[in-house]
Amino acid sequence: MIIPVRCWSCGKPVGQCWEEYKERTAHGENPKKVMDDLGIERYCCRGVILGQTDLLDNVAKFKKF
């Protein structure tokens, strides 16, 4: 649901890149170019970003009041 702050494998901080990555890819930019521009070069870090799905809206539907 929430992007991890650090890469699971190497420990590099990747959480600060998620919002910009999501915004730029939503506007049609190539995900590879966006990750290169953000400095995400390792395949483990790229996997963390690519494997992330934004489920917060789906989970919020089931909130108990």
Protein backbone atom coordinates (compact mmCIF):
# COMPACT_ATOMS: atom_id res chain seq x y z
CA MET A 1 0.00 0.00 0.00
CA ILE A 2 2.68 2.46 0.99
CA ILE A 3 5.96 2.64 -0.89
CA PRO A 4 8.86 1.27 1.16
CA VAL A 5 11.26 3.93 2.40
CA ARG A 6 14.28 1.83 1.46
CA CYS A 7 15.05 -0.92 -1.04
CA TRP A 8 14.50 -4.39 0.42
CA SER A 9 17.84 -5.70 -0.88
CA CYS A 10 20.44 -2.95 -0.79
CA GLY A 11 18.92 -0.42 1.62
CA LYS A 12 19.09 2.56 -0.75
CA PRO A 13 16.39 5.17 -0.01
CA VAL A 14 13.73 5.01 -2.76
CA GLY A 15 10.60 6.29 -1.02
CA GLN A 16 11.20 9.93 -1.90
CA CYS A 17 11.10 9.09 -5.63
CA TRP A 18 7.65 7.47 -5.69
CA GLU A 19 5.47 10.58 -6.08
CA GLU A 20 7.53 12.04 -8.91
CA TYR A 21 7.75 8.64 -10.62
CA LYS A 22 3.99 8.13 -10.38
CA GLU A 23 3.23 11.63 -11.65
CA ARG A 24 5.64 11.49 -14.59
CA THR A 25 4.58 8.02 -15.76
CA ALA A 26 0.92 9.06 -15.51
CA HIS A 27 1.70 11.81 -18.03
CA GLY A 28 3.05 9.21 -20.47
CA GLU A 29 6.80 9.31 -19.89
CA ASN A 30 8.81 6.14 -20.31
CA PRO A 31 9.31 4.46 -16.88
CA LYS A 32 12.94 3.58 -17.74
CA LYS A 33 13.81 7.20 -18.51
CA VAL A 34 12.05 8.43 -15.36
CA MET A 35 13.98 5.98 -13.15
CA ASP A 36 17.25 6.94 -14.84
CA ASP A 37 16.52 10.63 -14.20
CA LEU A 38 15.66 9.93 -10.55
CA GLY A 39 18.90 8.01 -10.02
CA ILE A 40 17.33 4.60 -9.50
CA GLU A 41 19.90 2.43 -11.27
CA ARG A 42 20.09 -0.89 -9.43
CA TYR A 43 17.74 -3.63 -10.55
CA CYS A 44 16.67 -4.33 -6.98
CA CYS A 45 15.60 -0.71 -6.47
CA ARG A 46 13.81 -0.67 -9.81
CA GLY A 47 11.93 -3.79 -8.79
CA VAL A 48 10.72 -2.10 -5.60
CA ILE A 49 9.37 0.84 -7.61
CA LEU A 50 7.89 -1.25 -10.44
CA GLY A 51 6.34 -3.76 -8.06
CA GLN A 52 4.54 -1.11 -6.07
CA THR A 53 0.79 -0.76 -6.57
CA ASP A 54 -1.21 2.07 -5.07
CA LEU A 55 -3.99 0.30 -3.15
CA LEU A 56 -4.78 3.02 -0.64
CA ASP A 57 -8.02 4.03 -2.40
CA ASN A 58 -9.20 0.40 -2.49
CA VAL A 59 -8.45 -0.18 1.20
CA ALA A 60 -10.10 3.10 2.22
CA LYS A 61 -13.46 1.74 1.00
CA PHE A 62 -13.45 -0.76 3.86
CA LYS A 63 -12.69 1.67 6.66
CA LYS A 64 -14.75 1.10 9.78
CA PHE A 65 -16.33 4.17 11.30
